Amino acid sequence: MNLLSSLLGLLRLGIATRFRVRGRYWKWREETAFGSDRSKWPSAKIRRHAMLEYARWAWRMRRTL
């Protein structure tokens, strides 16, 4: 169920941003989550996990409002 919630959250966010994953919103999201210095970012695996957690959270927030 968690994976499904994450995927639905990603789909919803993708639709909202017109799937512009290199657009302003996603760049802002990256800097907010990980900072602007890419050399200090966590590994790709940790970033993917954080992305899925964020998508799951976004889906839950939408479902409860």
Protein backbone atom coordinates (compact mmCIF):
# COMPACT_ATOMS: atom_id res chain seq x y z
CA MET A 1 0.00 0.00 0.00
CA ASN A 2 2.87 2.39 0.73
CA LEU A 3 4.32 1.94 -2.74
CA LEU A 4 0.91 2.50 -4.30
CA SER A 5 0.43 5.69 -2.28
CA SER A 6 3.87 6.88 -3.36
CA LEU A 7 3.18 6.20 -7.02
CA LEU A 8 -0.20 7.92 -6.87
CA GLY A 9 1.42 10.88 -5.15
CA LEU A 10 4.10 11.07 -7.84
CA LEU A 11 1.47 10.86 -10.55
CA ARG A 12 -0.53 13.66 -8.97
CA LEU A 13 2.56 15.85 -8.55
CA GLY A 14 3.61 15.04 -12.10
CA ILE A 15 0.25 16.11 -13.47
CA ALA A 16 0.28 19.28 -11.36
CA THR A 17 3.73 20.22 -12.70
CA ARG A 18 2.99 18.98 -16.23
CA PHE A 19 5.80 16.44 -15.81
CA ARG A 20 8.44 19.18 -16.01
CA VAL A 21 10.81 17.37 -13.65
CA ARG A 22 13.57 19.90 -14.38
CA GLY A 23 11.21 22.83 -13.89
CA ARG A 24 11.23 25.49 -11.20
CA TYR A 25 9.08 23.57 -8.73
CA TRP A 26 11.27 20.46 -8.74
CA LYS A 27 14.50 22.47 -8.58
CA TRP A 28 13.10 24.34 -5.57
CA ARG A 29 12.02 21.03 -4.04
CA GLU A 30 15.53 19.55 -4.45
CA GLU A 31 17.19 22.58 -2.85
CA THR A 32 14.68 22.62 -0.01
CA ALA A 33 15.18 18.93 0.71
CA PHE A 34 18.92 18.54 0.10
CA GLY A 35 20.49 22.01 -0.09
CA SER A 36 22.07 23.81 -3.02
CA ASP A 37 25.55 22.23 -2.71
CA ARG A 38 25.28 18.97 -4.64
CA SER A 39 28.56 17.69 -3.18
CA LYS A 40 26.83 17.46 0.22
CA TRP A 41 23.76 15.62 -1.06
CA PRO A 42 23.05 12.10 0.21
CA SER A 43 23.46 9.08 -2.06
CA ALA A 44 21.04 8.44 -4.93
CA LYS A 45 19.44 5.60 -2.98
CA ILE A 46 18.66 7.88 -0.04
CA ARG A 47 17.35 10.59 -2.39
CA ARG A 48 15.01 8.09 -4.10
CA HIS A 49 13.72 6.97 -0.72
CA ALA A 50 13.13 10.60 0.29
CA MET A 51 11.32 11.24 -3.00
CA LEU A 52 8.95 8.33 -2.39
CA GLU A 53 8.35 9.44 1.19
CA TYR A 54 7.52 12.95 -0.02
CA ALA A 55 5.16 11.60 -2.69
CA ARG A 56 3.44 9.40 -0.09
CA TRP A 57 3.07 12.39 2.23
CA ALA A 58 1.69 14.54 -0.61
CA TRP A 59 -0.86 11.83 -1.45
CA ARG A 60 -1.97 11.51 2.18
CA MET A 61 -2.31 15.28 2.56
CA ARG A 62 -4.47 15.48 -0.54
CA ARG A 63 -6.65 12.60 0.65
CA THR A 64 -7.27 14.16 4.08
CA LEU A 65 -8.06 17.72 3.00
